[in-house]
Amino acid sequence: MAANLAWRRPKRRAATEAYLEAEDSLALWLRECCESGGVFDDWVGSTELLQSRKQWAEAAGENPGSLKSLIESLQARGFEPKRKAGDRGFAGG
């Protein structure tokens, strides 16, 4: 029985990770609507990011959240905020 349980754990862990990733709407939005990594010189304002997020969320039946929550979520994922002409946003990443 112990061998059987040991065999199931990696499968269950992989299934759990896949489920959580599928439920992570921010990760889905980033993957589908944003470009990051590599060399990007483009800067996108926070308001424009929120507008994109809202359009995606409405189409996906998700809650887009607030601008504050979007900024905090992006920062938690390692994106660094940048200012341009006094406006807040993010550079390519």
Foldseek 3Di string as FASTA:
>chain_A
DVVVVVVVVVVVVVVVVVVVCVVPLVNVLCVPPAAADDDFADWDFLVVVLVSLVVVCVVVVHDSDDSVVNVVVCVVVPFDWDDDPNTITGTRD
